[in-house]
Amino acid sequence: MAEETLTDGAITARYFETDAERILSFQGNDGSAAIAQNLDGYAMVKVRPSPDGDELERYYGFDMALDHAAELLGVEPSALPIPDPAQDMGM
């Protein structure tokens, strides 16, 4: 299982895999957000308030999911660090 953590400024990103999903979680001073996709990597990505939280929205594109995650954290999308294993998330 791949796992990687990356911190840039006030945001820490953690990529990890469960038995069913790839998850990119973010933790910042003003909250948390997570983006999840099935392990096969072909489904829409889901935005959640936390890795195990309820789904808030689904997106085809990773960029749109990052925009939503950044909104939850109160930062610009460009402030979100993206670990290498998460670069290919989204359809």
N, C-alpha and C. Protein backbone atom coordinates (compact mmCIF):
# COMPACT_ATOMS: atom_id res chain seq x y z
N MET A 1 0.82 -1.19 0.00
CA MET A 1 0.00 0.00 0.00
C MET A 1 0.86 1.25 0.00
N ALA A 2 0.54 2.16 -0.88
CA ALA A 2 1.27 3.42 -0.95
C ALA A 2 0.77 4.36 0.14
N GLU A 3 1.69 5.08 0.73
CA GLU A 3 1.32 6.12 1.69
C GLU A 3 2.38 7.20 1.64
N GLU A 4 1.93 8.45 1.60
CA GLU A 4 2.86 9.57 1.56
C GLU A 4 2.23 10.78 2.21
N THR A 5 3.03 11.52 2.97
CA THR A 5 2.57 12.75 3.61
C THR A 5 3.43 13.89 3.11
N LEU A 6 2.79 15.02 2.85
CA LEU A 6 3.48 16.20 2.34
C LEU A 6 2.89 17.43 3.02
N THR A 7 3.75 18.31 3.54
CA THR A 7 3.30 19.54 4.18
C THR A 7 3.84 20.73 3.42
N ASP A 8 2.95 21.69 3.17
CA ASP A 8 3.34 22.93 2.52
C ASP A 8 2.61 24.06 3.25
N GLY A 9 3.36 24.88 3.95
CA GLY A 9 2.74 25.95 4.73
C GLY A 9 1.90 25.37 5.85
N ALA A 10 0.65 25.79 5.92
CA ALA A 10 -0.24 25.36 7.00
C ALA A 10 -1.06 24.13 6.65
N ILE A 11 -0.86 23.55 5.46
CA ILE A 11 -1.65 22.41 5.01
C ILE A 11 -0.79 21.15 4.93
N THR A 12 -1.29 20.09 5.54
CA THR A 12 -0.64 18.78 5.44
C THR A 12 -1.55 17.86 4.63
N ALA A 13 -0.98 17.24 3.61
CA ALA A 13 -1.72 16.29 2.78
C ALA A 13 -1.19 14.90 3.07
N ARG A 14 -2.11 13.95 3.16
CA ARG A 14 -1.73 12.55 3.38
C ARG A 14 -2.46 11.69 2.36
N TYR A 15 -1.70 10.96 1.56
CA TYR A 15 -2.27 10.01 0.61
C TYR A 15 -2.10 8.61 1.20
N PHE A 16 -3.18 7.84 1.17
CA PHE A 16 -3.09 6.45 1.62
C PHE A 16 -4.17 5.63 0.93
N GLU A 17 -4.05 4.34 1.03
CA GLU A 17 -5.01 3.43 0.42
C GLU A 17 -5.61 2.52 1.48
N THR A 18 -6.91 2.27 1.34
CA THR A 18 -7.59 1.31 2.18
C THR A 18 -7.86 0.07 1.33
N ASP A 19 -8.62 -0.86 1.84
CA ASP A 19 -8.97 -2.05 1.05
C ASP A 19 -9.84 -1.70 -0.15
N ALA A 20 -10.52 -0.55 -0.12
CA ALA A 20 -11.46 -0.22 -1.18
C ALA A 20 -11.18 1.11 -1.89
N GLU A 21 -10.39 2.01 -1.27
CA GLU A 21 -10.25 3.36 -1.81
C GLU A 21 -8.83 3.90 -1.75
N ARG A 22 -8.61 4.86 -2.62
CA ARG A 22 -7.44 5.73 -2.55
C ARG A 22 -7.94 7.01 -1.90
N ILE A 23 -7.23 7.51 -0.90
CA ILE A 23 -7.70 8.70 -0.18
C ILE A 23 -6.57 9.73 -0.08
N LEU A 24 -6.94 10.96 -0.39
CA LEU A 24 -6.06 12.10 -0.21
C LEU A 24 -6.73 13.00 0.81
N SER A 25 -6.14 13.09 1.99
CA SER A 25 -6.74 13.91 3.05
C SER A 25 -5.88 15.14 3.29
N PHE A 26 -6.55 16.20 3.66
CA PHE A 26 -5.89 17.47 3.96
C PHE A 26 -6.26 17.91 5.36
N GLN A 27 -5.28 18.44 6.07
CA GLN A 27 -5.51 19.00 7.40
C GLN A 27 -4.89 20.38 7.42
N GLY A 28 -5.68 21.36 7.82
CA GLY A 28 -5.19 22.73 7.91
C GLY A 28 -5.60 23.34 9.23
N ASN A 29 -5.22 24.58 9.43
CA ASN A 29 -5.57 25.29 10.65
C ASN A 29 -7.07 25.47 10.81
N ASP A 30 -7.78 25.56 9.69
CA ASP A 30 -9.21 25.85 9.73
C ASP A 30 -10.08 24.65 9.36
N GLY A 31 -9.56 23.44 9.46
CA GLY A 31 -10.40 22.28 9.18
C GLY A 31 -9.70 21.19 8.41
N SER A 32 -10.53 20.30 7.87
CA SER A 32 -10.01 19.17 7.11
C SER A 32 -10.90 18.91 5.91
N ALA A 33 -10.36 18.15 4.97
CA ALA A 33 -11.10 17.73 3.78
C ALA A 33 -10.43 16.46 3.27
N ALA A 34 -11.18 15.69 2.50
CA ALA A 34 -10.63 14.47 1.92
C ALA A 34 -11.22 14.24 0.54
N ILE A 35 -10.42 13.64 -0.32
CA ILE A 35 -10.85 13.24 -1.66
C ILE A 35 -10.62 11.75 -1.75
N ALA A 36 -11.65 11.00 -2.19
CA ALA A 36 -11.54 9.55 -2.25
C ALA A 36 -11.92 9.05 -3.64
N GLN A 37 -11.29 7.96 -4.06
CA GLN A 37 -11.58 7.32 -5.33
C GLN A 37 -11.41 5.82 -5.15
N ASN A 38 -12.14 5.03 -5.93
CA ASN A 38 -11.99 3.59 -5.78
C ASN A 38 -10.56 3.16 -6.16
N LEU A 39 -10.16 2.00 -5.71
CA LEU A 39 -8.79 1.53 -5.94
C LEU A 39 -8.45 1.36 -7.41
N ASP A 40 -9.45 1.05 -8.23
CA ASP A 40 -9.20 0.88 -9.66
C ASP A 40 -8.86 2.20 -10.34
N GLY A 41 -9.24 3.31 -9.71
CA GLY A 41 -8.86 4.61 -10.22
C GLY A 41 -9.65 5.11 -11.41
N TYR A 42 -10.82 4.53 -11.69
CA TYR A 42 -11.58 4.99 -12.84
C TYR A 42 -12.89 5.67 -12.49
N ALA A 43 -13.27 5.69 -11.25
CA ALA A 43 -14.56 6.26 -10.84
C ALA A 43 -14.42 7.73 -10.50
N MET A 44 -15.56 8.38 -10.35
CA MET A 44 -15.58 9.77 -9.92
C MET A 44 -14.92 9.88 -8.55
N VAL A 45 -14.37 11.05 -8.26
CA VAL A 45 -13.79 11.28 -6.94
C VAL A 45 -14.84 11.91 -6.03
N LYS A 46 -14.78 11.55 -4.77
CA LYS A 46 -15.74 12.02 -3.77
C LYS A 46 -15.04 12.98 -2.82
N VAL A 47 -15.70 14.07 -2.50
CA VAL A 47 -15.16 15.01 -1.51
C VAL A 47 -15.92 14.78 -0.20
N ARG A 48 -15.16 14.70 0.87
CA ARG A 48 -15.70 14.49 2.21
C ARG A 48 -15.07 15.50 3.16
N PRO A 49 -15.68 15.74 4.31
CA PRO A 49 -15.06 16.64 5.28
C PRO A 49 -13.87 15.99 5.99
N SER A 50 -13.78 14.66 5.94
CA SER A 50 -12.69 13.90 6.55
C SER A 50 -12.61 12.56 5.83
N PRO A 51 -11.52 11.80 5.99
CA PRO A 51 -11.42 10.53 5.28
C PRO A 51 -12.58 9.58 5.51
N ASP A 52 -13.14 9.57 6.71
CA ASP A 52 -14.25 8.66 7.00
C ASP A 52 -15.59 9.38 7.11
N GLY A 53 -15.63 10.64 6.67
CA GLY A 53 -16.86 11.43 6.73
C GLY A 53 -17.84 11.09 5.61
N ASP A 54 -19.02 11.66 5.70
CA ASP A 54 -20.05 11.46 4.68
C ASP A 54 -19.68 12.23 3.41
N GLU A 55 -20.02 11.65 2.30
CA GLU A 55 -19.75 12.26 1.00
C GLU A 55 -20.52 13.58 0.87
N LEU A 56 -19.81 14.63 0.43
CA LEU A 56 -20.44 15.93 0.20
C LEU A 56 -20.81 16.12 -1.27
N GLU A 57 -19.93 15.64 -2.16
CA GLU A 57 -20.11 15.85 -3.60
C GLU A 57 -19.22 14.88 -4.36
N ARG A 58 -19.60 14.59 -5.63
CA ARG A 58 -18.76 13.78 -6.53
C ARG A 58 -18.38 14.62 -7.74
N TYR A 59 -17.17 14.37 -8.23
CA TYR A 59 -16.66 15.10 -9.39
C TYR A 59 -15.96 14.13 -10.33
N TYR A 60 -16.03 14.43 -11.64
CA TYR A 60 -15.25 13.67 -12.61
C TYR A 60 -13.79 14.10 -12.56
N GLY A 61 -13.57 15.39 -12.40
CA GLY A 61 -12.22 15.91 -12.45
C GLY A 61 -11.60 16.15 -11.09
N PHE A 62 -10.33 15.83 -11.01
CA PHE A 62 -9.55 16.03 -9.78
C PHE A 62 -9.48 17.52 -9.44
N ASP A 63 -9.33 18.38 -10.46
CA ASP A 63 -9.24 19.82 -10.21
C ASP A 63 -10.48 20.36 -9.53
N MET A 64 -11.64 19.89 -9.95
CA MET A 64 -12.89 20.35 -9.34
C MET A 64 -12.98 19.87 -7.88
N ALA A 65 -12.53 18.66 -7.63
CA ALA A 65 -12.52 18.14 -6.26
C ALA A 65 -11.54 18.93 -5.40
N LEU A 66 -10.39 19.28 -5.96
CA LEU A 66 -9.43 20.10 -5.22
C LEU A 66 -10.00 21.48 -4.90
N ASP A 67 -10.75 22.07 -5.84
CA ASP A 67 -11.39 23.36 -5.58
C ASP A 67 -12.32 23.26 -4.37
N HIS A 68 -13.11 22.19 -4.32
CA HIS A 68 -14.06 22.00 -3.22
C HIS A 68 -13.30 21.77 -1.90
N ALA A 69 -12.26 20.95 -1.94
CA ALA A 69 -11.47 20.70 -0.73
C ALA A 69 -10.84 21.99 -0.21
N ALA A 70 -10.32 22.80 -1.13
CA ALA A 70 -9.72 24.07 -0.73
C ALA A 70 -10.76 24.98 -0.10
N GLU A 71 -11.96 24.98 -0.65
CA GLU A 71 -13.04 25.79 -0.08
C GLU A 71 -13.35 25.35 1.35
N LEU A 72 -13.36 24.05 1.59
CA LEU A 72 -13.61 23.55 2.94
C LEU A 72 -12.52 23.98 3.92
N LEU A 73 -11.30 24.12 3.41
CA LEU A 73 -10.16 24.50 4.24
C LEU A 73 -9.96 26.01 4.32
N GLY A 74 -10.68 26.76 3.49
CA GLY A 74 -10.54 28.21 3.49
C GLY A 74 -9.26 28.70 2.86
N VAL A 75 -8.75 27.96 1.85
CA VAL A 75 -7.52 28.35 1.17
C VAL A 75 -7.74 28.29 -0.34
N GLU A 76 -6.80 28.81 -1.09
CA GLU A 76 -6.82 28.69 -2.54
C GLU A 76 -6.39 27.27 -2.94
N PRO A 77 -6.92 26.74 -4.03
CA PRO A 77 -6.53 25.39 -4.47
C PRO A 77 -5.02 25.23 -4.66
N SER A 78 -4.35 26.30 -5.07
CA SER A 78 -2.90 26.23 -5.28
C SER A 78 -2.13 26.03 -3.97
N ALA A 79 -2.78 26.23 -2.83
CA ALA A 79 -2.14 26.05 -1.52
C ALA A 79 -2.14 24.59 -1.08
N LEU A 80 -2.84 23.73 -1.81
CA LEU A 80 -2.94 22.32 -1.41
C LEU A 80 -1.75 21.53 -1.94
N PRO A 81 -0.95 20.95 -1.07
CA PRO A 81 0.14 20.10 -1.54
C PRO A 81 -0.43 18.76 -2.01
N ILE A 82 0.09 18.24 -3.12
CA ILE A 82 -0.41 16.98 -3.68
C ILE A 82 0.74 15.97 -3.71
N PRO A 83 0.70 14.94 -2.85
CA PRO A 83 1.74 13.91 -2.89
C PRO A 83 1.74 13.20 -4.25
N ASP A 84 2.88 12.77 -4.71
CA ASP A 84 3.03 12.14 -6.02
C ASP A 84 2.03 11.01 -6.30
N PRO A 85 1.78 10.09 -5.36
CA PRO A 85 0.85 9.00 -5.70
C PRO A 85 -0.59 9.47 -5.97
N ALA A 86 -0.93 10.69 -5.57
CA ALA A 86 -2.29 11.20 -5.76
C ALA A 86 -2.44 12.01 -7.04
N GLN A 87 -1.36 12.25 -7.76
CA GLN A 87 -1.39 13.12 -8.94
C GLN A 87 -2.36 12.66 -10.01
N ASP A 88 -2.64 11.36 -10.10
CA ASP A 88 -3.48 10.83 -11.18
C ASP A 88 -4.92 10.55 -10.75
N MET A 89 -5.34 11.07 -9.62
CA MET A 89 -6.72 10.85 -9.19
C MET A 89 -7.69 11.58 -10.11
N GLY A 90 -8.91 11.11 -10.22
CA GLY A 90 -9.92 11.68 -11.10
C GLY A 90 -9.97 10.93 -12.41
N MET A 91 -10.98 11.21 -13.19
CA MET A 91 -11.15 10.48 -14.46
C MET A 91 -10.41 11.16 -15.59
